[in-house]
Amino acid sequence: MAMDEEDLEPLQRKAKLRDLTVMSIEGLEDYIGLLSNEIERTKVAIKAKESARQGAESVFK
């Protein structure tokens, strides 16, 4: 049986959503900044994994 790439990924729980109603405008803007940084970090990780995958695929062609 072939192994899916998803089988190798660690199981992740869904992030807990914050209660935005109790946050100030400044707090919400800070939160957006944190989320933007996390999105950018995730995009970099995706690009690195894609590059590694392409390198591995080129070896097995």
Protein backbone atom coordinates (compact mmCIF):
# COMPACT_ATOMS: atom_id res chain seq x y z
CA MET A 1 0.00 0.00 0.00
CA ALA A 2 1.35 3.42 -0.96
CA MET A 3 1.89 5.99 1.73
CA ASP A 4 0.29 9.38 1.29
CA GLU A 5 2.35 12.48 1.96
CA GLU A 6 -0.33 13.52 4.45
CA ASP A 7 0.49 10.42 6.50
CA LEU A 8 3.90 11.93 7.23
CA GLU A 9 2.55 15.24 8.50
CA PRO A 10 1.99 15.60 12.23
CA LEU A 11 -1.63 15.76 13.32
CA GLN A 12 -2.64 19.32 14.03
CA ARG A 13 -5.48 20.62 16.08
CA LYS A 14 -7.50 23.57 14.94
CA ALA A 15 -6.34 26.83 16.45
CA LYS A 16 -8.63 28.22 19.10
CA LEU A 17 -10.46 31.27 17.87
CA ARG A 18 -10.06 34.41 19.94
CA ASP A 19 -13.05 36.34 21.16
CA LEU A 20 -12.72 39.46 19.03
CA THR A 21 -15.59 41.24 20.77
CA VAL A 22 -13.51 41.85 23.89
CA MET A 23 -10.48 43.19 22.02
CA SER A 24 -9.79 46.89 21.52
CA ILE A 25 -9.18 48.34 18.08
CA GLU A 26 -5.46 48.50 18.89
CA GLY A 27 -5.56 44.89 20.09
CA LEU A 28 -7.30 43.82 16.90
CA GLU A 29 -4.71 45.63 14.79
CA ASP A 30 -1.91 43.93 16.75
CA TYR A 31 -3.67 40.60 16.24
CA ILE A 32 -3.83 41.23 12.49
CA GLY A 33 -0.09 41.90 12.56
CA LEU A 34 0.55 38.62 14.36
CA LEU A 35 -1.62 36.72 11.91
CA SER A 36 0.06 38.41 8.93
CA ASN A 37 3.47 37.38 10.25
CA GLU A 38 2.27 33.81 10.73
CA ILE A 39 0.83 33.73 7.21
CA GLU A 40 4.14 34.95 5.78
CA ARG A 41 6.08 32.36 7.83
CA THR A 42 3.74 29.66 6.55
CA LYS A 43 4.22 30.74 2.93
CA VAL A 44 8.00 30.51 3.37
CA ALA A 45 7.65 27.00 4.82
CA ILE A 46 5.45 25.96 1.88
CA LYS A 47 7.99 27.25 -0.63
CA ALA A 48 10.80 25.39 1.15
CA LYS A 49 8.80 22.15 1.14
CA GLU A 50 7.89 22.58 -2.54
CA SER A 51 11.54 23.12 -3.37
CA ALA A 52 12.56 20.02 -1.42
CA ARG A 53 9.84 18.00 -3.14
CA GLN A 54 10.92 19.17 -6.59
CA GLY A 55 14.50 18.24 -5.76
CA ALA A 56 13.46 14.78 -4.64
CA GLU A 57 11.21 14.27 -7.66
CA SER A 58 14.06 15.20 -10.00
CA VAL A 59 16.24 12.49 -8.46
CA PHE A 60 13.63 9.80 -9.11
CA LYS A 61 12.81 10.74 -12.70
